[in-house]
Amino acid sequence: MMRCTGRLDTAQVFARRDRFVTDWDDTGQAEWVKSIGADLFRGPRRVVVTRDDGARHRRRGPAQAAAARGRPLSTVSEIY
């Protein structure tokens, strides 16, 4: 079992965290989503998903979600 002794330098801890999350800038990830032919939606969303069999399901989306284009098993038919 490891034990921590001493004090943490909180400024360094948060600076390291910010480096790991690219200073909270997801531009690179958003560009990648676009490059694979997907759409990125930001902000809480509600979506209606229509399956190939015609069944429609309402879903509450996360704060950010990507929807791929192409021949999916279901289609996002409404976003609001």
C-alpha atoms as a PDB file:
ATOM      1  CA  MET A   1       0.000   0.000   0.000  1.00  0.00           C
ATOM      2  CA  MET A   2       1.354   3.385  -0.986  1.00  0.00           C
ATOM      3  CA  ARG A   3       1.166   6.354   1.293  1.00  0.00           C
ATOM      4  CA  CYS A   4       1.394   9.960   0.309  1.00  0.00           C
ATOM      5  CA  THR A   5       3.349  12.226   2.523  1.00  0.00           C
ATOM      6  CA  GLY A   6       3.893  15.909   2.171  1.00  0.00           C
ATOM      7  CA  ARG A   7       1.776  18.422   0.309  1.00  0.00           C
ATOM      8  CA  LEU A   8       0.515  18.471  -3.225  1.00  0.00           C
ATOM      9  CA  ASP A   9       1.140  21.493  -5.386  1.00  0.00           C
ATOM     10  CA  THR A  10      -2.437  21.994  -6.542  1.00  0.00           C
ATOM     11  CA  ALA A  11      -1.429  24.401  -9.313  1.00  0.00           C
ATOM     12  CA  GLN A  12       0.811  21.693 -10.798  1.00  0.00           C
ATOM     13  CA  VAL A  13      -1.866  19.034 -10.372  1.00  0.00           C
ATOM     14  CA  PHE A  14      -4.444  21.121 -12.235  1.00  0.00           C
ATOM     15  CA  ALA A  15      -1.907  22.150 -14.887  1.00  0.00           C
ATOM     16  CA  ARG A  16      -1.175  18.476 -15.544  1.00  0.00           C
ATOM     17  CA  ARG A  17      -4.893  17.717 -15.756  1.00  0.00           C
ATOM     18  CA  ASP A  18      -5.347  20.556 -18.246  1.00  0.00           C
ATOM     19  CA  ARG A  19      -2.526  19.182 -20.411  1.00  0.00           C
ATOM     20  CA  PHE A  20      -4.208  15.765 -20.446  1.00  0.00           C
ATOM     21  CA  VAL A  21      -7.465  17.307 -21.674  1.00  0.00           C
ATOM     22  CA  THR A  22      -5.745  19.633 -24.166  1.00  0.00           C
ATOM     23  CA  ASP A  23      -6.715  22.680 -22.109  1.00  0.00           C
ATOM     24  CA  TRP A  24     -10.388  21.745 -22.557  1.00  0.00           C
ATOM     25  CA  ASP A  25     -10.152  22.349 -26.324  1.00  0.00           C
ATOM     26  CA  ASP A  26     -11.716  19.538 -28.350  1.00  0.00           C
ATOM     27  CA  THR A  27     -11.165  21.119 -31.766  1.00  0.00           C
ATOM     28  CA  GLY A  28      -8.972  18.212 -32.869  1.00  0.00           C
ATOM     29  CA  GLN A  29     -11.540  15.624 -31.829  1.00  0.00           C
ATOM     30  CA  ALA A  30     -14.353  17.584 -33.501  1.00  0.00           C
ATOM     31  CA  GLU A  31     -12.346  17.729 -36.735  1.00  0.00           C
ATOM     32  CA  TRP A  32     -11.761  13.978 -36.536  1.00  0.00           C
ATOM     33  CA  VAL A  33     -15.504  13.327 -36.092  1.00  0.00           C
ATOM     34  CA  LYS A  34     -16.166  15.410 -39.215  1.00  0.00           C
ATOM     35  CA  SER A  35     -13.386  13.629 -41.137  1.00  0.00           C
ATOM     36  CA  ILE A  36     -15.061  10.241 -40.640  1.00  0.00           C
ATOM     37  CA  GLY A  37     -18.382  11.524 -41.978  1.00  0.00           C
ATOM     38  CA  ALA A  38     -20.192  11.917 -38.678  1.00  0.00           C
ATOM     39  CA  ASP A  39     -22.108  14.856 -37.252  1.00  0.00           C
ATOM     40  CA  LEU A  40     -21.286  16.280 -33.830  1.00  0.00           C
ATOM     41  CA  PHE A  41     -24.141  17.768 -31.817  1.00  0.00           C
ATOM     42  CA  ARG A  42     -23.358  19.901 -28.781  1.00  0.00           C
ATOM     43  CA  GLY A  43     -25.592  20.655 -25.858  1.00  0.00           C
ATOM     44  CA  PRO A  44     -28.198  18.408 -24.245  1.00  0.00           C
ATOM     45  CA  ARG A  45     -30.427  17.041 -26.979  1.00  0.00           C
ATOM     46  CA  ARG A  46     -33.465  14.940 -27.354  1.00  0.00           C
ATOM     47  CA  VAL A  47     -33.534  12.768 -30.417  1.00  0.00           C
ATOM     48  CA  VAL A  48     -36.050  10.545 -32.135  1.00  0.00           C
ATOM     49  CA  VAL A  49     -34.408   7.435 -33.544  1.00  0.00           C
ATOM     50  CA  THR A  50     -36.206   5.554 -36.300  1.00  0.00           C
ATOM     51  CA  ARG A  51     -35.126   1.950 -36.750  1.00  0.00           C
ATOM     52  CA  ASP A  52     -35.141   0.112 -40.070  1.00  0.00           C
ATOM     53  CA  ASP A  53     -38.341  -1.654 -39.018  1.00  0.00           C
ATOM     54  CA  GLY A  54     -40.050   1.753 -38.636  1.00  0.00           C
ATOM     55  CA  ALA A  55     -40.121   1.732 -34.838  1.00  0.00           C
ATOM     56  CA  ARG A  56     -39.479   5.191 -33.379  1.00  0.00           C
ATOM     57  CA  HIS A  57     -37.802   5.729 -30.021  1.00  0.00           C
ATOM     58  CA  ARG A  58     -37.247   8.993 -28.165  1.00  0.00           C
ATOM     59  CA  ARG A  59     -33.880   9.293 -26.517  1.00  0.00           C
ATOM     60  CA  ARG A  60     -32.317  11.977 -24.398  1.00  0.00           C
ATOM     61  CA  GLY A  61     -28.800  12.460 -25.665  1.00  0.00           C
ATOM     62  CA  PRO A  62     -25.688  13.311 -23.690  1.00  0.00           C
ATOM     63  CA  ALA A  63     -24.211  16.784 -23.729  1.00  0.00           C
ATOM     64  CA  GLN A  64     -22.212  15.801 -26.795  1.00  0.00           C
ATOM     65  CA  ALA A  65     -22.948  13.028 -29.238  1.00  0.00           C
ATOM     66  CA  ALA A  66     -21.803  11.997 -32.673  1.00  0.00           C
ATOM     67  CA  ALA A  67     -24.153  10.510 -35.256  1.00  0.00           C
ATOM     68  CA  ALA A  68     -22.546   8.527 -38.047  1.00  0.00           C
ATOM     69  CA  ARG A  69     -23.861   8.759 -41.581  1.00  0.00           C
ATOM     70  CA  GLY A  70     -24.182   5.871 -43.977  1.00  0.00           C
ATOM     71  CA  ARG A  71     -26.352   2.765 -43.748  1.00  0.00           C
ATOM     72  CA  PRO A  72     -27.042   2.485 -40.015  1.00  0.00           C
ATOM     73  CA  LEU A  73     -29.472   0.091 -38.391  1.00  0.00           C
ATOM     74  CA  SER A  74     -31.314   3.146 -37.130  1.00  0.00           C
ATOM     75  CA  THR A  75     -31.552   6.779 -38.196  1.00  0.00           C
ATOM     76  CA  VAL A  76     -31.743   9.932 -36.105  1.00  0.00           C
ATOM     77  CA  SER A  77     -34.934  11.369 -37.558  1.00  0.00           C
ATOM     78  CA  GLU A  78     -35.427  14.381 -35.263  1.00  0.00           C
ATOM     79  CA  ILE A  79     -33.187  16.454 -33.059  1.00  0.00           C
ATOM     80  CA  TYR A  80     -34.661  19.012 -30.701  1.00  0.00           C
END
